[in-house]
Amino acid sequence: MDVKGIQGSINFDGDWVTITKGQAGAAATTTRFRAADVTGTRFKSATTFFNGYLQFNVPGSLVDQEGRNRRPTAADRHRLSFWKSANAEASQLLAAVEQARG
């Protein structure tokens, strides 16, 4: 199961979540963790005017302290932003990870 996002993608194979992010002029970075290790998730659907995001909390990750109406930063290795066209795939991936957590 894959979700193509902005400057990266998320892959879930049933056990492992792999987030690959790349920026122009820099090498791609890959973050990999087990679905069973996920302690929490955050999901925001994309709209016509705003990108959505999918964020995973795992032990040892730095969870951003967010104020009201703020989104996680792009530097978070456990998060990926996506366009409106990927809403369905992102919500399906999140449901699969949530099921694998239990």
N, C-alpha and C. Protein backbone atom coordinates (compact mmCIF):
# COMPACT_ATOMS: atom_id res chain seq x y z
N MET A 1 0.85 -1.16 0.00
CA MET A 1 0.00 0.00 0.00
C MET A 1 0.90 1.23 0.00
N ASP A 2 0.69 2.13 -0.96
CA ASP A 2 1.52 3.31 -1.11
C ASP A 2 0.68 4.57 -1.17
N VAL A 3 1.24 5.65 -0.65
CA VAL A 3 0.65 6.98 -0.79
C VAL A 3 1.76 7.90 -1.29
N LYS A 4 1.51 8.52 -2.43
CA LYS A 4 2.47 9.48 -2.96
C LYS A 4 2.10 10.85 -2.40
N GLY A 5 3.07 11.50 -1.78
CA GLY A 5 2.82 12.78 -1.17
C GLY A 5 3.68 13.86 -1.78
N ILE A 6 3.75 14.97 -1.11
CA ILE A 6 4.55 16.11 -1.54
C ILE A 6 5.99 15.83 -1.12
N GLN A 7 6.87 15.75 -2.06
CA GLN A 7 8.29 15.48 -1.83
C GLN A 7 8.55 14.16 -1.14
N GLY A 8 7.71 13.15 -1.39
CA GLY A 8 7.98 11.85 -0.80
C GLY A 8 6.81 10.89 -0.93
N SER A 9 6.92 9.78 -0.20
CA SER A 9 5.87 8.76 -0.23
C SER A 9 5.90 7.95 1.07
N ILE A 10 4.78 7.28 1.32
CA ILE A 10 4.67 6.36 2.46
C ILE A 10 4.31 4.99 1.90
N ASN A 11 4.98 3.96 2.38
CA ASN A 11 4.69 2.60 1.99
C ASN A 11 4.40 1.80 3.25
N PHE A 12 3.36 0.96 3.19
CA PHE A 12 3.04 0.07 4.30
C PHE A 12 2.86 -1.33 3.74
N ASP A 13 3.66 -2.28 4.26
CA ASP A 13 3.64 -3.65 3.75
C ASP A 13 2.87 -4.62 4.64
N GLY A 14 2.18 -4.10 5.63
CA GLY A 14 1.45 -4.95 6.57
C GLY A 14 2.13 -5.03 7.92
N ASP A 15 3.44 -4.82 7.98
CA ASP A 15 4.19 -4.82 9.23
C ASP A 15 5.00 -3.54 9.42
N TRP A 16 5.63 -3.06 8.35
CA TRP A 16 6.55 -1.93 8.43
C TRP A 16 6.01 -0.73 7.65
N VAL A 17 6.18 0.46 8.24
CA VAL A 17 5.86 1.73 7.58
C VAL A 17 7.18 2.33 7.14
N THR A 18 7.27 2.72 5.87
CA THR A 18 8.48 3.33 5.34
C THR A 18 8.11 4.68 4.74
N ILE A 19 8.73 5.74 5.25
CA ILE A 19 8.51 7.09 4.74
C ILE A 19 9.78 7.53 4.05
N THR A 20 9.68 7.84 2.76
CA THR A 20 10.81 8.32 1.98
C THR A 20 10.53 9.75 1.60
N LYS A 21 11.44 10.65 1.99
CA LYS A 21 11.28 12.07 1.69
C LYS A 21 12.52 12.58 0.98
N GLY A 22 12.33 13.42 -0.01
CA GLY A 22 13.44 14.02 -0.72
C GLY A 22 13.14 15.47 -1.03
N GLN A 23 14.17 16.28 -1.01
CA GLN A 23 14.02 17.69 -1.34
C GLN A 23 14.98 18.01 -2.47
N ALA A 24 14.65 19.01 -3.23
CA ALA A 24 15.49 19.38 -4.36
C ALA A 24 16.91 19.67 -3.89
N GLY A 25 17.87 19.05 -4.54
CA GLY A 25 19.27 19.28 -4.21
C GLY A 25 19.79 18.48 -3.04
N ALA A 26 18.98 17.63 -2.46
CA ALA A 26 19.41 16.84 -1.31
C ALA A 26 19.08 15.37 -1.54
N ALA A 27 19.83 14.50 -0.91
CA ALA A 27 19.57 13.07 -1.02
C ALA A 27 18.28 12.71 -0.28
N ALA A 28 17.58 11.71 -0.79
CA ALA A 28 16.35 11.26 -0.14
C ALA A 28 16.67 10.61 1.20
N THR A 29 15.81 10.80 2.16
CA THR A 29 15.96 10.17 3.47
C THR A 29 14.82 9.18 3.66
N THR A 30 15.13 8.07 4.31
CA THR A 30 14.14 7.04 4.55
C THR A 30 14.03 6.77 6.05
N THR A 31 12.80 6.74 6.53
CA THR A 31 12.52 6.42 7.92
C THR A 31 11.63 5.19 7.92
N ARG A 32 12.02 4.19 8.70
CA ARG A 32 11.28 2.93 8.73
C ARG A 32 11.01 2.53 10.17
N PHE A 33 9.75 2.11 10.44
CA PHE A 33 9.38 1.66 11.78
C PHE A 33 8.25 0.66 11.69
N ARG A 34 8.12 -0.17 12.71
CA ARG A 34 7.07 -1.19 12.73
C ARG A 34 5.73 -0.55 13.10
N ALA A 35 4.67 -1.04 12.50
CA ALA A 35 3.34 -0.54 12.81
C ALA A 35 3.00 -0.80 14.28
N ALA A 36 3.50 -1.89 14.82
CA ALA A 36 3.24 -2.23 16.23
C ALA A 36 3.88 -1.22 17.18
N ASP A 37 4.89 -0.47 16.71
CA ASP A 37 5.56 0.52 17.55
C ASP A 37 4.88 1.88 17.54
N VAL A 38 3.90 2.07 16.69
CA VAL A 38 3.20 3.37 16.58
C VAL A 38 2.36 3.58 17.83
N THR A 39 2.57 4.72 18.49
CA THR A 39 1.81 5.02 19.71
C THR A 39 0.66 5.98 19.45
N GLY A 40 0.65 6.61 18.30
CA GLY A 40 -0.43 7.54 17.95
C GLY A 40 -0.29 8.01 16.52
N THR A 41 -1.38 8.54 15.99
CA THR A 41 -1.38 9.06 14.62
C THR A 41 -2.14 10.36 14.57
N ARG A 42 -1.82 11.16 13.56
CA ARG A 42 -2.59 12.38 13.29
C ARG A 42 -2.84 12.41 11.80
N PHE A 43 -4.06 12.72 11.42
CA PHE A 43 -4.45 12.75 10.02
C PHE A 43 -5.25 14.02 9.76
N LYS A 44 -4.89 14.74 8.74
CA LYS A 44 -5.62 15.93 8.32
C LYS A 44 -5.88 15.79 6.83
N SER A 45 -7.14 15.76 6.44
CA SER A 45 -7.49 15.65 5.03
C SER A 45 -7.09 16.92 4.29
N ALA A 46 -6.67 16.73 3.05
CA ALA A 46 -6.34 17.88 2.21
C ALA A 46 -7.62 18.47 1.63
N THR A 47 -7.60 19.76 1.36
CA THR A 47 -8.72 20.44 0.73
C THR A 47 -8.21 21.09 -0.56
N THR A 48 -9.07 21.80 -1.22
CA THR A 48 -8.68 22.48 -2.45
C THR A 48 -7.55 23.48 -2.20
N PHE A 49 -7.56 24.12 -1.05
CA PHE A 49 -6.60 25.19 -0.77
C PHE A 49 -5.48 24.80 0.19
N PHE A 50 -5.62 23.69 0.91
CA PHE A 50 -4.62 23.31 1.91
C PHE A 50 -4.24 21.84 1.74
N ASN A 51 -2.95 21.56 1.88
CA ASN A 51 -2.47 20.18 1.83
C ASN A 51 -2.87 19.46 3.11
N GLY A 52 -2.99 18.15 3.02
CA GLY A 52 -3.24 17.34 4.18
C GLY A 52 -1.94 16.73 4.67
N TYR A 53 -1.99 16.02 5.79
CA TYR A 53 -0.79 15.33 6.29
C TYR A 53 -1.17 14.11 7.09
N LEU A 54 -0.22 13.19 7.16
CA LEU A 54 -0.33 11.98 7.96
C LEU A 54 0.93 11.91 8.81
N GLN A 55 0.76 11.83 10.12
CA GLN A 55 1.88 11.84 11.05
C GLN A 55 1.76 10.64 11.99
N PHE A 56 2.90 10.00 12.22
CA PHE A 56 2.97 8.86 13.14
C PHE A 56 3.82 9.23 14.34
N ASN A 57 3.35 8.86 15.51
CA ASN A 57 4.14 9.03 16.73
C ASN A 57 4.69 7.66 17.10
N VAL A 58 6.00 7.61 17.27
CA VAL A 58 6.68 6.38 17.68
C VAL A 58 7.62 6.71 18.83
N PRO A 59 7.96 5.73 19.67
CA PRO A 59 8.89 6.00 20.76
C PRO A 59 10.20 6.58 20.24
N GLY A 60 10.66 7.62 20.89
CA GLY A 60 11.91 8.25 20.50
C GLY A 60 11.75 9.37 19.49
N SER A 61 10.55 9.56 18.94
CA SER A 61 10.35 10.64 17.97
C SER A 61 10.06 11.94 18.72
N LEU A 62 10.40 13.02 18.09
CA LEU A 62 10.13 14.32 18.67
C LEU A 62 8.80 14.81 18.13
N VAL A 63 7.79 14.81 18.96
CA VAL A 63 6.47 15.27 18.55
C VAL A 63 6.44 16.78 18.72
N ASP A 64 6.09 17.46 17.64
CA ASP A 64 6.05 18.92 17.69
C ASP A 64 5.01 19.40 18.69
N GLN A 65 5.36 20.41 19.44
CA GLN A 65 4.42 21.06 20.32
C GLN A 65 3.69 22.10 19.47
N GLU A 66 2.44 21.82 19.16
CA GLU A 66 1.71 22.67 18.24
C GLU A 66 0.77 23.60 18.98
N GLY A 67 0.66 24.78 18.45
CA GLY A 67 -0.33 25.72 18.94
C GLY A 67 -1.61 25.54 18.14
N ARG A 68 -2.57 26.34 18.42
CA ARG A 68 -3.83 26.26 17.70
C ARG A 68 -3.63 26.61 16.22
N ASN A 69 -4.28 25.84 15.35
CA ASN A 69 -4.24 26.04 13.90
C ASN A 69 -2.84 25.90 13.31
N ARG A 70 -1.97 25.16 13.97
CA ARG A 70 -0.63 24.92 13.43
C ARG A 70 -0.50 23.48 12.99
N ARG A 71 0.32 23.28 11.97
CA ARG A 71 0.56 21.94 11.45
C ARG A 71 1.97 21.50 11.84
N PRO A 72 2.23 20.20 11.82
CA PRO A 72 3.59 19.73 12.09
C PRO A 72 4.56 20.28 11.04
N THR A 73 5.81 20.40 11.41
CA THR A 73 6.79 20.96 10.50
C THR A 73 7.20 19.95 9.44
N ALA A 74 7.71 20.45 8.32
CA ALA A 74 8.14 19.59 7.22
C ALA A 74 9.36 18.77 7.60
N ALA A 75 10.10 19.19 8.61
CA ALA A 75 11.32 18.48 9.02
C ALA A 75 11.01 17.20 9.80
N ASP A 76 9.77 17.00 10.22
CA ASP A 76 9.40 15.81 10.97
C ASP A 76 9.55 14.58 10.08
N ARG A 77 10.40 13.64 10.48
CA ARG A 77 10.67 12.44 9.67
C ARG A 77 9.50 11.46 9.67
N HIS A 78 8.57 11.60 10.60
CA HIS A 78 7.46 10.67 10.73
C HIS A 78 6.16 11.25 10.18
N ARG A 79 6.26 12.20 9.26
CA ARG A 79 5.10 12.89 8.72
C ARG A 79 5.28 13.12 7.23
N LEU A 80 4.16 13.08 6.50
CA LEU A 80 4.21 13.38 5.07
C LEU A 80 2.96 14.17 4.69
N SER A 81 3.17 15.25 3.95
CA SER A 81 2.07 16.04 3.41
C SER A 81 1.64 15.46 2.08
N PHE A 82 0.35 15.65 1.74
CA PHE A 82 -0.15 15.15 0.47
C PHE A 82 -1.22 16.08 -0.07
N TRP A 83 -1.52 15.89 -1.38
CA TRP A 83 -2.53 16.69 -2.05
C TRP A 83 -3.91 16.08 -1.86
N LYS A 84 -4.92 16.83 -2.25
CA LYS A 84 -6.31 16.40 -2.13
C LYS A 84 -6.56 15.09 -2.87
N SER A 85 -5.88 14.88 -3.98
CA SER A 85 -6.09 13.67 -4.78
C SER A 85 -5.65 12.39 -4.04
N ALA A 86 -4.87 12.52 -2.98
CA ALA A 86 -4.38 11.37 -2.23
C ALA A 86 -5.15 11.12 -0.92
N ASN A 87 -6.23 11.85 -0.69
CA ASN A 87 -6.99 11.69 0.56
C ASN A 87 -7.45 10.25 0.78
N ALA A 88 -8.01 9.62 -0.24
CA ALA A 88 -8.55 8.26 -0.09
C ALA A 88 -7.44 7.27 0.23
N GLU A 89 -6.33 7.34 -0.51
CA GLU A 89 -5.21 6.42 -0.27
C GLU A 89 -4.62 6.62 1.12
N ALA A 90 -4.50 7.88 1.55
CA ALA A 90 -3.92 8.17 2.87
C ALA A 90 -4.81 7.64 3.98
N SER A 91 -6.13 7.80 3.85
CA SER A 91 -7.02 7.30 4.90
C SER A 91 -7.04 5.77 4.93
N GLN A 92 -6.91 5.12 3.76
CA GLN A 92 -6.84 3.66 3.73
C GLN A 92 -5.56 3.15 4.37
N LEU A 93 -4.44 3.83 4.09
CA LEU A 93 -3.17 3.44 4.70
C LEU A 93 -3.23 3.62 6.21
N LEU A 94 -3.80 4.73 6.66
CA LEU A 94 -3.93 4.96 8.10
C LEU A 94 -4.78 3.86 8.75
N ALA A 95 -5.88 3.48 8.12
CA ALA A 95 -6.73 2.43 8.67
C ALA A 95 -5.98 1.10 8.75
N ALA A 96 -5.18 0.80 7.74
CA ALA A 96 -4.40 -0.45 7.74
C ALA A 96 -3.35 -0.44 8.86
N VAL A 97 -2.69 0.71 9.07
CA VAL A 97 -1.69 0.81 10.14
C VAL A 97 -2.38 0.70 11.50
N GLU A 98 -3.51 1.36 11.67
CA GLU A 98 -4.25 1.28 12.94
C GLU A 98 -4.67 -0.15 13.23
N GLN A 99 -5.10 -0.87 12.21
CA GLN A 99 -5.48 -2.28 12.41
C GLN A 99 -4.28 -3.13 12.79
N ALA A 100 -3.13 -2.87 12.17
CA ALA A 100 -1.92 -3.64 12.48
C ALA A 100 -1.38 -3.32 13.87
N ARG A 101 -1.67 -2.13 14.39
CA ARG A 101 -1.22 -1.75 15.73
C ARG A 101 -1.84 -2.63 16.79
N GLY A 102 -3.10 -2.95 16.61
CA GLY A 102 -3.86 -3.67 17.63
C GLY A 102 -3.44 -5.08 17.73
